[in-house]
Amino acid sequence: MTGPATSRPPAEILLPLGAAGLALLLWTALARGLSPVLLPSPLAVAQSAFTHRDNLLQATLQTGLASLLGLVLAAIAGLSVGVLFQRSRALELALQPYALVVQTLPVVAVAPLLLVWLGYGLPVAVAAATLVAFFPLLTAAHLGLRSADPAQVELMRLYGASWTQELLKLRLPSALPWFFGGLRTAGGLSVIGAIVGEFVGSNGLPPSLGYLVLRSARAADTAQTFAAIGCSALLALLFFALTRALQLRFTGAWHAGASA
């Protein structure tokens, strides 16, 4: 008989923790030789985050709301346009170049126009987040809807299934892993887009991460800038984790790429 198995942390936990520890050591060593204005130490960033915790929390919630709304709008638009492309080849050929134009638009250049059209506040950040998240979701939806097994498609048509039945019962379930893969990418992009929108569209009422980054950088408070950037990174990681959890919930183990 063998004794009880000892639980050991998996490599998926130990290796990232080791890399993070090494990065912190290198950061600390580098910060000692530089001015705090150029590179604050990790301790200084942590102290600044604690000192401004209320402001950072409120700003993170505001930016998180803008990112989430933008991601939801981009998901609805991307899936809808993907369905239209799958339904009509002519429509795909007519509109695909313009969808690509949306992807190539520099959001930094578009953000001032969004401010003119929408005014200060949440809508600018939401619109910017939607713009940058739209194309990855459209691409994922489009490829996913076309990934259905041709034999199954032909079988459904032989049984007289309508296009709607084919879409709901075969193509959309087949597209789920693709679409969730697009969501994992678009989640981080939506945070970036929201912060860029806040650079021009936020007046600090309520505070947002984009506003805090600009204000603290202009005041040479680099520690607070790093703290705000860290909050944005945590926000993007949270979106990634939530998307991964949703993927496991809705696709489970039935798809070969579900555990990727």
C-alpha atoms as a PDB file:
ATOM      1  CA  MET A   1       0.000   0.000   0.000  1.00  0.00           C
ATOM      2  CA  THR A   2       1.136   3.477  -0.678  1.00  0.00           C
ATOM      3  CA  GLY A   3       0.769   6.334   1.769  1.00  0.00           C
ATOM      4  CA  PRO A   4      -1.576   9.254   1.244  1.00  0.00           C
ATOM      5  CA  ALA A   5      -0.642  11.434  -1.682  1.00  0.00           C
ATOM      6  CA  THR A   6       0.914  14.705  -0.691  1.00  0.00           C
ATOM      7  CA  SER A   7      -0.585  17.726  -2.374  1.00  0.00           C
ATOM      8  CA  ARG A   8       2.017  19.901  -4.024  1.00  0.00           C
ATOM      9  CA  PRO A   9       1.402  23.192  -5.789  1.00  0.00           C
ATOM     10  CA  PRO A  10       1.348  22.645  -9.554  1.00  0.00           C
ATOM     11  CA  ALA A  11       3.939  24.134 -11.845  1.00  0.00           C
ATOM     12  CA  GLU A  12       1.256  26.467 -13.233  1.00  0.00           C
ATOM     13  CA  ILE A  13       1.355  28.280  -9.875  1.00  0.00           C
ATOM     14  CA  LEU A  14       5.004  27.936  -8.883  1.00  0.00           C
ATOM     15  CA  LEU A  15       6.533  29.065 -12.180  1.00  0.00           C
ATOM     16  CA  PRO A  16       4.552  32.341 -12.484  1.00  0.00           C
ATOM     17  CA  LEU A  17       5.225  33.106  -8.809  1.00  0.00           C
ATOM     18  CA  GLY A  18       8.920  32.492  -9.323  1.00  0.00           C
ATOM     19  CA  ALA A  19       8.979  34.737 -12.395  1.00  0.00           C
ATOM     20  CA  ALA A  20       7.119  37.461 -10.488  1.00  0.00           C
ATOM     21  CA  GLY A  21       9.559  37.237  -7.589  1.00  0.00           C
ATOM     22  CA  LEU A  22      12.532  37.506  -9.914  1.00  0.00           C
ATOM     23  CA  ALA A  23      10.963  40.501 -11.677  1.00  0.00           C
ATOM     24  CA  LEU A  24      10.409  42.256  -8.349  1.00  0.00           C
ATOM     25  CA  LEU A  25      14.023  41.668  -7.334  1.00  0.00           C
ATOM     26  CA  LEU A  26      15.303  43.077 -10.626  1.00  0.00           C
ATOM     27  CA  TRP A  27      12.903  46.022 -10.361  1.00  0.00           C
ATOM     28  CA  THR A  28      14.084  46.789  -6.815  1.00  0.00           C
ATOM     29  CA  ALA A  29      17.735  46.592  -7.801  1.00  0.00           C
ATOM     30  CA  LEU A  30      17.206  48.849 -10.810  1.00  0.00           C
ATOM     31  CA  ALA A  31      15.162  51.390  -8.828  1.00  0.00           C
ATOM     32  CA  ARG A  32      17.997  51.850  -6.324  1.00  0.00           C
ATOM     33  CA  GLY A  33      20.179  53.406  -8.995  1.00  0.00           C
ATOM     34  CA  LEU A  34      17.533  55.725 -10.423  1.00  0.00           C
ATOM     35  CA  SER A  35      15.524  58.701  -9.251  1.00  0.00           C
ATOM     36  CA  PRO A  36      12.065  57.804  -7.841  1.00  0.00           C
ATOM     37  CA  VAL A  37      10.605  60.102 -10.496  1.00  0.00           C
ATOM     38  CA  LEU A  38      12.032  57.851 -13.197  1.00  0.00           C
ATOM     39  CA  LEU A  39      11.419  54.491 -11.550  1.00  0.00           C
ATOM     40  CA  PRO A  40       9.868  54.120  -8.076  1.00  0.00           C
ATOM     41  CA  SER A  41      10.598  50.983  -6.115  1.00  0.00           C
ATOM     42  CA  PRO A  42       7.926  48.296  -5.659  1.00  0.00           C
ATOM     43  CA  LEU A  43       7.622  49.351  -2.015  1.00  0.00           C
ATOM     44  CA  ALA A  44       6.989  52.970  -3.015  1.00  0.00           C
ATOM     45  CA  VAL A  45       4.312  51.850  -5.470  1.00  0.00           C
ATOM     46  CA  ALA A  46       2.658  49.700  -2.798  1.00  0.00           C
ATOM     47  CA  GLN A  47       2.718  52.595  -0.329  1.00  0.00           C
ATOM     48  CA  SER A  48       1.190  54.923  -2.921  1.00  0.00           C
ATOM     49  CA  ALA A  49      -1.511  52.366  -3.719  1.00  0.00           C
ATOM     50  CA  PHE A  50      -2.369  52.109  -0.023  1.00  0.00           C
ATOM     51  CA  THR A  51      -2.392  55.876   0.460  1.00  0.00           C
ATOM     52  CA  HIS A  52      -4.669  56.433  -2.541  1.00  0.00           C
ATOM     53  CA  ARG A  53      -6.641  53.197  -2.141  1.00  0.00           C
ATOM     54  CA  ASP A  54     -10.072  54.838  -2.102  1.00  0.00           C
ATOM     55  CA  ASN A  55      -9.377  56.855  -5.221  1.00  0.00           C
ATOM     56  CA  LEU A  56      -7.828  53.870  -6.995  1.00  0.00           C
ATOM     57  CA  LEU A  57     -10.752  51.626  -6.093  1.00  0.00           C
ATOM     58  CA  GLN A  58     -13.285  54.133  -7.389  1.00  0.00           C
ATOM     59  CA  ALA A  59     -11.247  54.700 -10.537  1.00  0.00           C
ATOM     60  CA  THR A  60     -10.888  50.956 -11.130  1.00  0.00           C
ATOM     61  CA  LEU A  61     -14.639  50.461 -10.789  1.00  0.00           C
ATOM     62  CA  GLN A  62     -15.304  53.326 -13.209  1.00  0.00           C
ATOM     63  CA  THR A  63     -12.850  52.029 -15.805  1.00  0.00           C
ATOM     64  CA  GLY A  64     -14.060  48.484 -15.240  1.00  0.00           C
ATOM     65  CA  LEU A  65     -17.641  49.571 -15.949  1.00  0.00           C
ATOM     66  CA  ALA A  66     -16.591  51.334 -19.166  1.00  0.00           C
ATOM     67  CA  SER A  67     -14.529  48.315 -20.264  1.00  0.00           C
ATOM     68  CA  LEU A  68     -17.326  45.854 -19.507  1.00  0.00           C
ATOM     69  CA  LEU A  69     -19.966  47.893 -21.332  1.00  0.00           C
ATOM     70  CA  GLY A  70     -17.642  48.277 -24.306  1.00  0.00           C
ATOM     71  CA  LEU A  71     -16.887  44.550 -24.313  1.00  0.00           C
ATOM     72  CA  VAL A  72     -20.589  43.638 -24.190  1.00  0.00           C
ATOM     73  CA  LEU A  73     -21.442  46.044 -27.021  1.00  0.00           C
ATOM     74  CA  ALA A  74     -18.508  44.754 -29.089  1.00  0.00           C
ATOM     75  CA  ALA A  75     -19.585  41.146 -28.449  1.00  0.00           C
ATOM     76  CA  ILE A  76     -23.151  41.856 -29.576  1.00  0.00           C
ATOM     77  CA  ALA A  77     -21.975  43.761 -32.649  1.00  0.00           C
ATOM     78  CA  GLY A  78     -19.255  41.243 -33.551  1.00  0.00           C
ATOM     79  CA  LEU A  79     -21.558  38.242 -33.242  1.00  0.00           C
ATOM     80  CA  SER A  80     -24.357  39.970 -35.152  1.00  0.00           C
ATOM     81  CA  VAL A  81     -22.108  41.003 -38.033  1.00  0.00           C
ATOM     82  CA  GLY A  82     -20.487  37.553 -38.014  1.00  0.00           C
ATOM     83  CA  VAL A  83     -23.933  35.964 -38.438  1.00  0.00           C
ATOM     84  CA  LEU A  84     -24.723  38.341 -41.301  1.00  0.00           C
ATOM     85  CA  PHE A  85     -21.410  37.481 -42.981  1.00  0.00           C
ATOM     86  CA  GLN A  86     -22.126  33.780 -42.639  1.00  0.00           C
ATOM     87  CA  ARG A  87     -25.610  34.246 -44.053  1.00  0.00           C
ATOM     88  CA  SER A  88     -24.618  36.319 -47.067  1.00  0.00           C
ATOM     89  CA  ARG A  89     -21.341  35.956 -48.936  1.00  0.00           C
ATOM     90  CA  ALA A  90     -22.124  39.116 -50.915  1.00  0.00           C
ATOM     91  CA  LEU A  91     -22.604  41.080 -47.692  1.00  0.00           C
ATOM     92  CA  GLU A  92     -19.322  39.718 -46.355  1.00  0.00           C
ATOM     93  CA  LEU A  93     -17.437  40.790 -49.468  1.00  0.00           C
ATOM     94  CA  ALA A  94     -19.061  44.237 -49.344  1.00  0.00           C
ATOM     95  CA  LEU A  95     -18.473  45.004 -45.654  1.00  0.00           C
ATOM     96  CA  GLN A  96     -15.345  43.035 -44.684  1.00  0.00           C
ATOM     97  CA  PRO A  97     -12.939  45.790 -45.852  1.00  0.00           C
ATOM     98  CA  TYR A  98     -14.766  48.366 -43.746  1.00  0.00           C
ATOM     99  CA  ALA A  99     -14.690  46.098 -40.710  1.00  0.00           C
ATOM    100  CA  LEU A 100     -10.927  45.907 -41.211  1.00  0.00           C
ATOM    101  CA  VAL A 101     -10.786  49.712 -41.351  1.00  0.00           C
ATOM    102  CA  VAL A 102     -12.361  49.830 -37.886  1.00  0.00           C
ATOM    103  CA  GLN A 103      -9.529  47.629 -36.626  1.00  0.00           C
ATOM    104  CA  THR A 104      -6.816  49.794 -38.173  1.00  0.00           C
ATOM    105  CA  LEU A 105      -8.197  53.083 -36.829  1.00  0.00           C
ATOM    106  CA  PRO A 106      -5.813  54.420 -34.141  1.00  0.00           C
ATOM    107  CA  VAL A 107      -8.042  54.862 -31.124  1.00  0.00           C
ATOM    108  CA  VAL A 108      -5.743  57.596 -29.804  1.00  0.00           C
ATOM    109  CA  ALA A 109      -6.557  59.660 -32.890  1.00  0.00           C
ATOM    110  CA  VAL A 110     -10.278  58.836 -32.805  1.00  0.00           C
ATOM    111  CA  ALA A 111     -10.749  59.578 -29.091  1.00  0.00           C
ATOM    112  CA  PRO A 112     -10.790  63.394 -29.511  1.00  0.00           C
ATOM    113  CA  LEU A 113     -13.570  63.005 -32.086  1.00  0.00           C
ATOM    114  CA  LEU A 114     -15.506  60.838 -29.649  1.00  0.00           C
ATOM    115  CA  LEU A 115     -15.180  63.635 -27.109  1.00  0.00           C
ATOM    116  CA  VAL A 116     -16.635  66.127 -29.606  1.00  0.00           C
ATOM    117  CA  TRP A 117     -19.530  63.808 -30.417  1.00  0.00           C
ATOM    118  CA  LEU A 118     -20.276  62.402 -26.955  1.00  0.00           C
ATOM    119  CA  GLY A 119     -18.929  64.953 -24.476  1.00  0.00           C
ATOM    120  CA  TYR A 120     -17.082  64.261 -21.247  1.00  0.00           C
ATOM    121  CA  GLY A 121     -17.926  61.201 -19.231  1.00  0.00           C
ATOM    122  CA  LEU A 122     -18.488  57.467 -19.481  1.00  0.00           C
ATOM    123  CA  PRO A 123     -19.755  57.292 -23.117  1.00  0.00           C
ATOM    124  CA  VAL A 124     -16.355  58.247 -24.572  1.00  0.00           C
ATOM    125  CA  ALA A 125     -14.580  55.449 -22.701  1.00  0.00           C
ATOM    126  CA  VAL A 126     -17.313  52.944 -23.613  1.00  0.00           C
ATOM    127  CA  ALA A 127     -17.150  53.903 -27.301  1.00  0.00           C
ATOM    128  CA  ALA A 128     -13.348  53.619 -27.379  1.00  0.00           C
ATOM    129  CA  ALA A 129     -13.480  50.225 -25.650  1.00  0.00           C
ATOM    130  CA  THR A 130     -16.098  49.020 -28.152  1.00  0.00           C
ATOM    131  CA  LEU A 131     -14.006  50.127 -31.126  1.00  0.00           C
ATOM    132  CA  VAL A 132     -10.864  48.249 -30.122  1.00  0.00           C
ATOM    133  CA  ALA A 133     -12.700  45.096 -29.000  1.00  0.00           C
ATOM    134  CA  PHE A 134     -15.006  44.779 -32.016  1.00  0.00           C
ATOM    135  CA  PHE A 135     -12.736  43.297 -34.694  1.00  0.00           C
ATOM    136  CA  PRO A 136     -11.280  40.372 -32.652  1.00  0.00           C
ATOM    137  CA  LEU A 137     -14.825  39.358 -31.718  1.00  0.00           C
ATOM    138  CA  LEU A 138     -16.060  39.684 -35.288  1.00  0.00           C
ATOM    139  CA  THR A 139     -13.162  37.553 -36.531  1.00  0.00           C
ATOM    140  CA  ALA A 140     -13.744  34.919 -33.841  1.00  0.00           C
ATOM    141  CA  ALA A 141     -17.479  34.782 -34.528  1.00  0.00           C
ATOM    142  CA  HIS A 142     -16.986  34.639 -38.290  1.00  0.00           C
ATOM    143  CA  LEU A 143     -14.427  31.818 -38.158  1.00  0.00           C
ATOM    144  CA  GLY A 144     -16.381  29.979 -35.477  1.00  0.00           C
ATOM    145  CA  LEU A 145     -19.639  30.014 -37.412  1.00  0.00           C
ATOM    146  CA  ARG A 146     -17.811  28.585 -40.434  1.00  0.00           C
ATOM    147  CA  SER A 147     -16.104  25.877 -38.358  1.00  0.00           C
ATOM    148  CA  ALA A 148     -19.173  23.639 -38.158  1.00  0.00           C
ATOM    149  CA  ASP A 149     -18.587  20.127 -39.480  1.00  0.00           C
ATOM    150  CA  PRO A 150     -19.645  20.144 -43.162  1.00  0.00           C
ATOM    151  CA  ALA A 151     -21.042  16.629 -42.797  1.00  0.00           C
ATOM    152  CA  GLN A 152     -23.297  17.740 -39.950  1.00  0.00           C
ATOM    153  CA  VAL A 153     -24.370  20.807 -41.917  1.00  0.00           C
ATOM    154  CA  GLU A 154     -25.266  18.607 -44.888  1.00  0.00           C
ATOM    155  CA  LEU A 155     -27.143  16.178 -42.629  1.00  0.00           C
ATOM    156  CA  MET A 156     -29.261  18.962 -41.140  1.00  0.00           C
ATOM    157  CA  ARG A 157     -30.088  20.256 -44.611  1.00  0.00           C
ATOM    158  CA  LEU A 158     -31.049  16.761 -45.751  1.00  0.00           C
ATOM    159  CA  TYR A 159     -33.516  16.628 -42.861  1.00  0.00           C
ATOM    160  CA  GLY A 160     -34.982  19.931 -43.992  1.00  0.00           C
ATOM    161  CA  ALA A 161     -33.603  22.162 -41.214  1.00  0.00           C
ATOM    162  CA  SER A 162     -34.122  25.863 -41.742  1.00  0.00           C
ATOM    163  CA  TRP A 163     -31.234  28.319 -41.735  1.00  0.00           C
ATOM    164  CA  THR A 164     -32.292  29.498 -38.262  1.00  0.00           C
ATOM    165  CA  GLN A 165     -32.310  25.934 -36.922  1.00  0.00           C
ATOM    166  CA  GLU A 166     -28.918  25.307 -38.487  1.00  0.00           C
ATOM    167  CA  LEU A 167     -27.592  28.477 -36.864  1.00  0.00           C
ATOM    168  CA  LEU A 168     -29.007  27.862 -33.386  1.00  0.00           C
ATOM    169  CA  LYS A 169     -28.443  24.111 -33.122  1.00  0.00           C
ATOM    170  CA  LEU A 170     -25.166  23.645 -34.970  1.00  0.00           C
ATOM    171  CA  ARG A 171     -23.240  26.755 -35.960  1.00  0.00           C
ATOM    172  CA  LEU A 172     -23.536  28.771 -32.743  1.00  0.00           C
ATOM    173  CA  PRO A 173     -22.558  25.831 -30.465  1.00  0.00           C
ATOM    174  CA  SER A 174     -19.623  25.069 -32.781  1.00  0.00           C
ATOM    175  CA  ALA A 175     -18.555  28.727 -32.652  1.00  0.00           C
ATOM    176  CA  LEU A 176     -18.548  29.024 -28.852  1.00  0.00           C
ATOM    177  CA  PRO A 177     -14.879  28.016 -28.278  1.00  0.00           C
ATOM    178  CA  TRP A 178     -13.777  30.408 -31.042  1.00  0.00           C
ATOM    179  CA  PHE A 179     -15.902  33.213 -29.652  1.00  0.00           C
ATOM    180  CA  PHE A 180     -14.624  32.758 -26.116  1.00  0.00           C
ATOM    181  CA  GLY A 181     -11.080  32.812 -27.474  1.00  0.00           C
ATOM    182  CA  GLY A 182     -11.890  36.152 -29.062  1.00  0.00           C
ATOM    183  CA  LEU A 183     -13.383  37.363 -25.790  1.00  0.00           C
ATOM    184  CA  ARG A 184     -10.165  36.572 -23.930  1.00  0.00           C
ATOM    185  CA  THR A 185      -8.264  38.821 -26.315  1.00  0.00           C
ATOM    186  CA  ALA A 186     -10.946  41.501 -26.485  1.00  0.00           C
ATOM    187  CA  GLY A 187     -11.221  41.728 -22.690  1.00  0.00           C
ATOM    188  CA  GLY A 188      -7.728  43.160 -22.329  1.00  0.00           C
ATOM    189  CA  LEU A 189      -8.194  45.349 -25.386  1.00  0.00           C
ATOM    190  CA  SER A 190     -11.387  46.816 -23.950  1.00  0.00           C
ATOM    191  CA  VAL A 191      -9.470  47.966 -20.860  1.00  0.00           C
ATOM    192  CA  ILE A 192      -6.872  49.623 -23.087  1.00  0.00           C
ATOM    193  CA  GLY A 193      -9.567  51.282 -25.162  1.00  0.00           C
ATOM    194  CA  ALA A 194     -11.427  52.551 -22.110  1.00  0.00           C
ATOM    195  CA  ILE A 195      -8.270  54.077 -20.630  1.00  0.00           C
ATOM    196  CA  VAL A 196      -7.412  55.782 -23.932  1.00  0.00           C
ATOM    197  CA  GLY A 197     -10.938  57.175 -24.028  1.00  0.00           C
ATOM    198  CA  GLU A 198     -10.499  58.429 -20.481  1.00  0.00           C
ATOM    199  CA  PHE A 199      -7.306  60.237 -21.431  1.00  0.00           C
ATOM    200  CA  VAL A 200      -9.416  62.742 -23.344  1.00  0.00           C
ATOM    201  CA  GLY A 201     -12.944  62.159 -22.065  1.00  0.00           C
ATOM    202  CA  SER A 202     -12.572  62.081 -18.279  1.00  0.00           C
ATOM    203  CA  ASN A 203     -12.528  65.190 -16.109  1.00  0.00           C
ATOM    204  CA  GLY A 204     -12.006  63.259 -12.886  1.00  0.00           C
ATOM    205  CA  LEU A 205     -15.666  63.296 -11.819  1.00  0.00           C
ATOM    206  CA  PRO A 206     -15.824  60.423 -11.056  1.00  0.00           C
ATOM    207  CA  PRO A 207     -12.133  59.474 -11.168  1.00  0.00           C
ATOM    208  CA  SER A 208     -10.989  56.895 -13.685  1.00  0.00           C
ATOM    209  CA  LEU A 209      -7.723  55.056 -14.225  1.00  0.00           C
ATOM    210  CA  GLY A 210      -6.978  56.996 -17.408  1.00  0.00           C
ATOM    211  CA  TYR A 211      -7.485  60.277 -15.587  1.00  0.00           C
ATOM    212  CA  LEU A 212      -5.318  59.177 -12.645  1.00  0.00           C
ATOM    213  CA  VAL A 213      -2.504  58.058 -14.953  1.00  0.00           C
ATOM    214  CA  LEU A 214      -2.435  61.422 -16.735  1.00  0.00           C
ATOM    215  CA  ARG A 215      -2.791  63.520 -13.587  1.00  0.00           C
ATOM    216  CA  SER A 216      -0.151  61.672 -11.595  1.00  0.00           C
ATOM    217  CA  ALA A 217       2.296  61.618 -14.542  1.00  0.00           C
ATOM    218  CA  ARG A 218       1.937  65.365 -15.016  1.00  0.00           C
ATOM    219  CA  ALA A 219       2.580  65.849 -11.292  1.00  0.00           C
ATOM    220  CA  ALA A 220       5.677  63.592 -11.512  1.00  0.00           C
ATOM    221  CA  ASP A 221       4.019  61.222  -9.019  1.00  0.00           C
ATOM    222  CA  THR A 222       5.384  58.169 -10.785  1.00  0.00           C
ATOM    223  CA  ALA A 223       4.525  55.837  -7.916  1.00  0.00           C
ATOM    224  CA  GLN A 224       0.842  56.631  -8.239  1.00  0.00           C
ATOM    225  CA  THR A 225       1.107  56.263 -12.010  1.00  0.00           C
ATOM    226  CA  PHE A 226       2.538  52.768 -11.549  1.00  0.00           C
ATOM    227  CA  ALA A 227      -0.221  51.968  -9.049  1.00  0.00           C
ATOM    228  CA  ALA A 228      -2.916  53.017 -11.527  1.00  0.00           C
ATOM    229  CA  ILE A 229      -1.255  51.003 -14.299  1.00  0.00           C
ATOM    230  CA  GLY A 230      -1.131  48.017 -11.960  1.00  0.00           C
ATOM    231  CA  CYS A 231      -4.874  48.362 -11.313  1.00  0.00           C
ATOM    232  CA  SER A 232      -5.537  48.382 -15.063  1.00  0.00           C
ATOM    233  CA  ALA A 233      -3.441  45.233 -15.470  1.00  0.00           C
ATOM    234  CA  LEU A 234      -5.379  43.519 -12.673  1.00  0.00           C
ATOM    235  CA  LEU A 235      -8.614  44.565 -14.356  1.00  0.00           C
ATOM    236  CA  ALA A 236      -7.526  42.987 -17.635  1.00  0.00           C
ATOM    237  CA  LEU A 237      -6.511  39.799 -15.806  1.00  0.00           C
ATOM    238  CA  LEU A 238      -9.903  39.714 -14.083  1.00  0.00           C
ATOM    239  CA  PHE A 239     -11.668  39.908 -17.444  1.00  0.00           C
ATOM    240  CA  PHE A 240      -9.463  37.107 -18.744  1.00  0.00           C
ATOM    241  CA  ALA A 241     -10.258  34.907 -15.728  1.00  0.00           C
ATOM    242  CA  LEU A 242     -13.998  35.574 -15.963  1.00  0.00           C
ATOM    243  CA  THR A 243     -13.996  34.772 -19.669  1.00  0.00           C
ATOM    244  CA  ARG A 244     -12.094  31.559 -19.004  1.00  0.00           C
ATOM    245  CA  ALA A 245     -14.600  30.567 -16.320  1.00  0.00           C
ATOM    246  CA  LEU A 246     -17.509  31.263 -18.662  1.00  0.00           C
ATOM    247  CA  GLN A 247     -15.836  29.217 -21.385  1.00  0.00           C
ATOM    248  CA  LEU A 248     -15.502  26.226 -19.071  1.00  0.00           C
ATOM    249  CA  ARG A 249     -19.087  26.697 -17.932  1.00  0.00           C
ATOM    250  CA  PHE A 250     -20.597  26.759 -21.416  1.00  0.00           C
ATOM    251  CA  THR A 251     -18.265  24.472 -23.367  1.00  0.00           C
ATOM    252  CA  GLY A 252     -16.971  22.192 -20.611  1.00  0.00           C
ATOM    253  CA  ALA A 253     -14.870  19.326 -21.881  1.00  0.00           C
ATOM    254  CA  TRP A 254     -16.926  18.565 -25.010  1.00  0.00           C
ATOM    255  CA  HIS A 255     -14.670  20.611 -27.271  1.00  0.00           C
ATOM    256  CA  ALA A 256     -11.031  19.721 -27.937  1.00  0.00           C
ATOM    257  CA  GLY A 257      -9.880  23.299 -27.357  1.00  0.00           C
ATOM    258  CA  ALA A 258     -11.865  23.915 -24.186  1.00  0.00           C
ATOM    259  CA  SER A 259      -8.889  23.389 -21.896  1.00  0.00           C
ATOM    260  CA  ALA A 260      -6.475  25.455 -23.953  1.00  0.00           C
END
